[in-house]
């Protein structure tokens, strides 16, 4: 299976604080956010609900998309989330199976 790369959005709650990140190991990275393994913005603001993600086939595409989303207006990010996750459910449990 080819390596996958992810761009993701975490939220503190519905319409709460948002965080955009990228990783090659989504399960591990979200676990780190949920458990405060890495200090910083997400730990300080309790942003740990995985509300949106997409898969990319290269690290270059992942980084390009992450940078693009970080430039978006907040409303555009909310619309992106709600297009696939209207209730802002935490998608992390589904990743674990």
C-alpha atoms as a PDB file:
ATOM      1  CA  UNK A   1       0.000   0.000   0.000  1.00  0.00           C
ATOM      2  CA  UNK A   2       1.484   3.385  -0.955  1.00  0.00           C
ATOM      3  CA  UNK A   3       2.156   5.863   1.803  1.00  0.00           C
ATOM      4  CA  UNK A   4      -0.657   8.293   2.510  1.00  0.00           C
ATOM      5  CA  UNK A   5      -0.499  11.875   3.690  1.00  0.00           C
ATOM      6  CA  UNK A   6      -3.270  13.720   5.489  1.00  0.00           C
ATOM      7  CA  UNK A   7      -4.447  17.277   5.958  1.00  0.00           C
ATOM      8  CA  UNK A   8      -6.843  17.609   8.859  1.00  0.00           C
ATOM      9  CA  UNK A   9      -8.920  20.067  10.840  1.00  0.00           C
ATOM     10  CA  UNK A  10      -9.411  19.823  14.582  1.00  0.00           C
ATOM     11  CA  UNK A  11     -11.993  21.805  16.534  1.00  0.00           C
ATOM     12  CA  UNK A  12     -12.527  22.517  20.209  1.00  0.00           C
ATOM     13  CA  UNK A  13     -16.293  22.144  19.695  1.00  0.00           C
ATOM     14  CA  UNK A  14     -18.874  22.916  17.011  1.00  0.00           C
ATOM     15  CA  UNK A  15     -17.982  26.323  15.551  1.00  0.00           C
ATOM     16  CA  UNK A  16     -15.196  26.563  18.120  1.00  0.00           C
ATOM     17  CA  UNK A  17     -11.479  27.115  17.773  1.00  0.00           C
ATOM     18  CA  UNK A  18     -10.029  25.482  14.645  1.00  0.00           C
ATOM     19  CA  UNK A  19      -6.594  24.043  13.935  1.00  0.00           C
ATOM     20  CA  UNK A  20      -5.261  22.844  10.578  1.00  0.00           C
ATOM     21  CA  UNK A  21      -2.438  20.334  10.434  1.00  0.00           C
ATOM     22  CA  UNK A  22      -0.836  17.666   8.287  1.00  0.00           C
ATOM     23  CA  UNK A  23       0.764  14.297   8.928  1.00  0.00           C
ATOM     24  CA  UNK A  24       1.651  10.949   7.425  1.00  0.00           C
ATOM     25  CA  UNK A  25       0.141   9.129  10.446  1.00  0.00           C
ATOM     26  CA  UNK A  26      -3.299  10.557  11.208  1.00  0.00           C
ATOM     27  CA  UNK A  27      -4.219   8.154  14.024  1.00  0.00           C
ATOM     28  CA  UNK A  28      -0.977   8.788  15.887  1.00  0.00           C
ATOM     29  CA  UNK A  29      -1.128  12.552  15.377  1.00  0.00           C
ATOM     30  CA  UNK A  30      -4.721  12.935  16.568  1.00  0.00           C
ATOM     31  CA  UNK A  31      -3.889  10.727  19.574  1.00  0.00           C
ATOM     32  CA  UNK A  32      -1.082  13.151  20.403  1.00  0.00           C
ATOM     33  CA  UNK A  33      -3.468  16.113  20.196  1.00  0.00           C
ATOM     34  CA  UNK A  34      -6.099  14.360  22.343  1.00  0.00           C
ATOM     35  CA  UNK A  35      -3.587  13.449  25.027  1.00  0.00           C
ATOM     36  CA  UNK A  36      -1.629  16.699  25.122  1.00  0.00           C
ATOM     37  CA  UNK A  37       1.585  14.932  24.141  1.00  0.00           C
ATOM     38  CA  UNK A  38       2.798  17.994  22.275  1.00  0.00           C
ATOM     39  CA  UNK A  39       2.387  21.395  23.907  1.00  0.00           C
ATOM     40  CA  UNK A  40       1.314  24.458  22.024  1.00  0.00           C
ATOM     41  CA  UNK A  41      -1.839  25.854  20.487  1.00  0.00           C
ATOM     42  CA  UNK A  42      -3.992  22.713  20.479  1.00  0.00           C
ATOM     43  CA  UNK A  43      -3.142  21.803  24.058  1.00  0.00           C
ATOM     44  CA  UNK A  44      -3.631  25.361  25.309  1.00  0.00           C
ATOM     45  CA  UNK A  45      -7.012  25.752  23.592  1.00  0.00           C
ATOM     46  CA  UNK A  46      -8.157  22.107  24.006  1.00  0.00           C
ATOM     47  CA  UNK A  47      -8.541  21.611  20.272  1.00  0.00           C
ATOM     48  CA  UNK A  48      -8.742  17.843  19.866  1.00  0.00           C
ATOM     49  CA  UNK A  49     -11.883  16.897  17.919  1.00  0.00           C
ATOM     50  CA  UNK A  50     -11.077  15.592  14.427  1.00  0.00           C
ATOM     51  CA  UNK A  51     -13.840  17.116  12.313  1.00  0.00           C
ATOM     52  CA  UNK A  52     -12.404  16.875   8.783  1.00  0.00           C
ATOM     53  CA  UNK A  53      -9.527  15.302   6.884  1.00  0.00           C
ATOM     54  CA  UNK A  54      -8.451  14.430   3.379  1.00  0.00           C
ATOM     55  CA  UNK A  55      -5.881  12.054   1.959  1.00  0.00           C
ATOM     56  CA  UNK A  56      -3.033  12.966  -0.397  1.00  0.00           C
ATOM     57  CA  UNK A  57      -0.628  10.769  -2.315  1.00  0.00           C
ATOM     58  CA  UNK A  58       2.467  12.916  -1.796  1.00  0.00           C
ATOM     59  CA  UNK A  59       3.968  15.013   0.954  1.00  0.00           C
ATOM     60  CA  UNK A  60       4.232  17.891  -1.494  1.00  0.00           C
ATOM     61  CA  UNK A  61       0.478  17.838  -2.207  1.00  0.00           C
ATOM     62  CA  UNK A  62      -0.205  17.599   1.526  1.00  0.00           C
ATOM     63  CA  UNK A  63       1.907  20.641   2.365  1.00  0.00           C
ATOM     64  CA  UNK A  64       0.462  22.654  -0.519  1.00  0.00           C
ATOM     65  CA  UNK A  65      -3.102  21.912   0.609  1.00  0.00           C
ATOM     66  CA  UNK A  66      -2.331  22.649   4.267  1.00  0.00           C
ATOM     67  CA  UNK A  67      -0.908  26.044   3.341  1.00  0.00           C
ATOM     68  CA  UNK A  68      -3.909  26.756   1.115  1.00  0.00           C
ATOM     69  CA  UNK A  69      -6.408  25.977   3.878  1.00  0.00           C
ATOM     70  CA  UNK A  70      -4.525  28.069   6.421  1.00  0.00           C
ATOM     71  CA  UNK A  71      -5.049  31.070   4.128  1.00  0.00           C
ATOM     72  CA  UNK A  72      -8.806  30.498   3.841  1.00  0.00           C
ATOM     73  CA  UNK A  73     -11.368  32.632   5.610  1.00  0.00           C
ATOM     74  CA  UNK A  74     -12.897  31.011   8.696  1.00  0.00           C
ATOM     75  CA  UNK A  75     -16.321  30.739   7.031  1.00  0.00           C
ATOM     76  CA  UNK A  76     -14.847  28.766   4.136  1.00  0.00           C
ATOM     77  CA  UNK A  77     -13.308  26.307   6.612  1.00  0.00           C
ATOM     78  CA  UNK A  78     -16.638  25.915   8.392  1.00  0.00           C
ATOM     79  CA  UNK A  79     -18.375  25.244   5.070  1.00  0.00           C
ATOM     80  CA  UNK A  80     -15.732  22.659   4.182  1.00  0.00           C
ATOM     81  CA  UNK A  81     -16.292  20.849   7.487  1.00  0.00           C
ATOM     82  CA  UNK A  82     -20.084  20.989   7.303  1.00  0.00           C
ATOM     83  CA  UNK A  83     -20.150  19.733   3.718  1.00  0.00           C
ATOM     84  CA  UNK A  84     -19.130  16.293   5.044  1.00  0.00           C
ATOM     85  CA  UNK A  85     -19.686  16.530   8.798  1.00  0.00           C
ATOM     86  CA  UNK A  86     -22.720  18.692   9.571  1.00  0.00           C
ATOM     87  CA  UNK A  87     -22.809  17.790  13.260  1.00  0.00           C
ATOM     88  CA  UNK A  88     -19.060  18.273  13.784  1.00  0.00           C
ATOM     89  CA  UNK A  89     -18.771  14.727  15.092  1.00  0.00           C
ATOM     90  CA  UNK A  90     -15.354  13.504  16.208  1.00  0.00           C
ATOM     91  CA  UNK A  91     -14.133  11.293  13.349  1.00  0.00           C
ATOM     92  CA  UNK A  92     -11.289   9.802  15.371  1.00  0.00           C
ATOM     93  CA  UNK A  93     -13.196   6.785  16.788  1.00  0.00           C
ATOM     94  CA  UNK A  94     -14.146   5.700  13.260  1.00  0.00           C
ATOM     95  CA  UNK A  95     -10.468   5.712  12.263  1.00  0.00           C
ATOM     96  CA  UNK A  96      -9.734   3.264  15.043  1.00  0.00           C
ATOM     97  CA  UNK A  97     -12.359   0.870  13.715  1.00  0.00           C
END
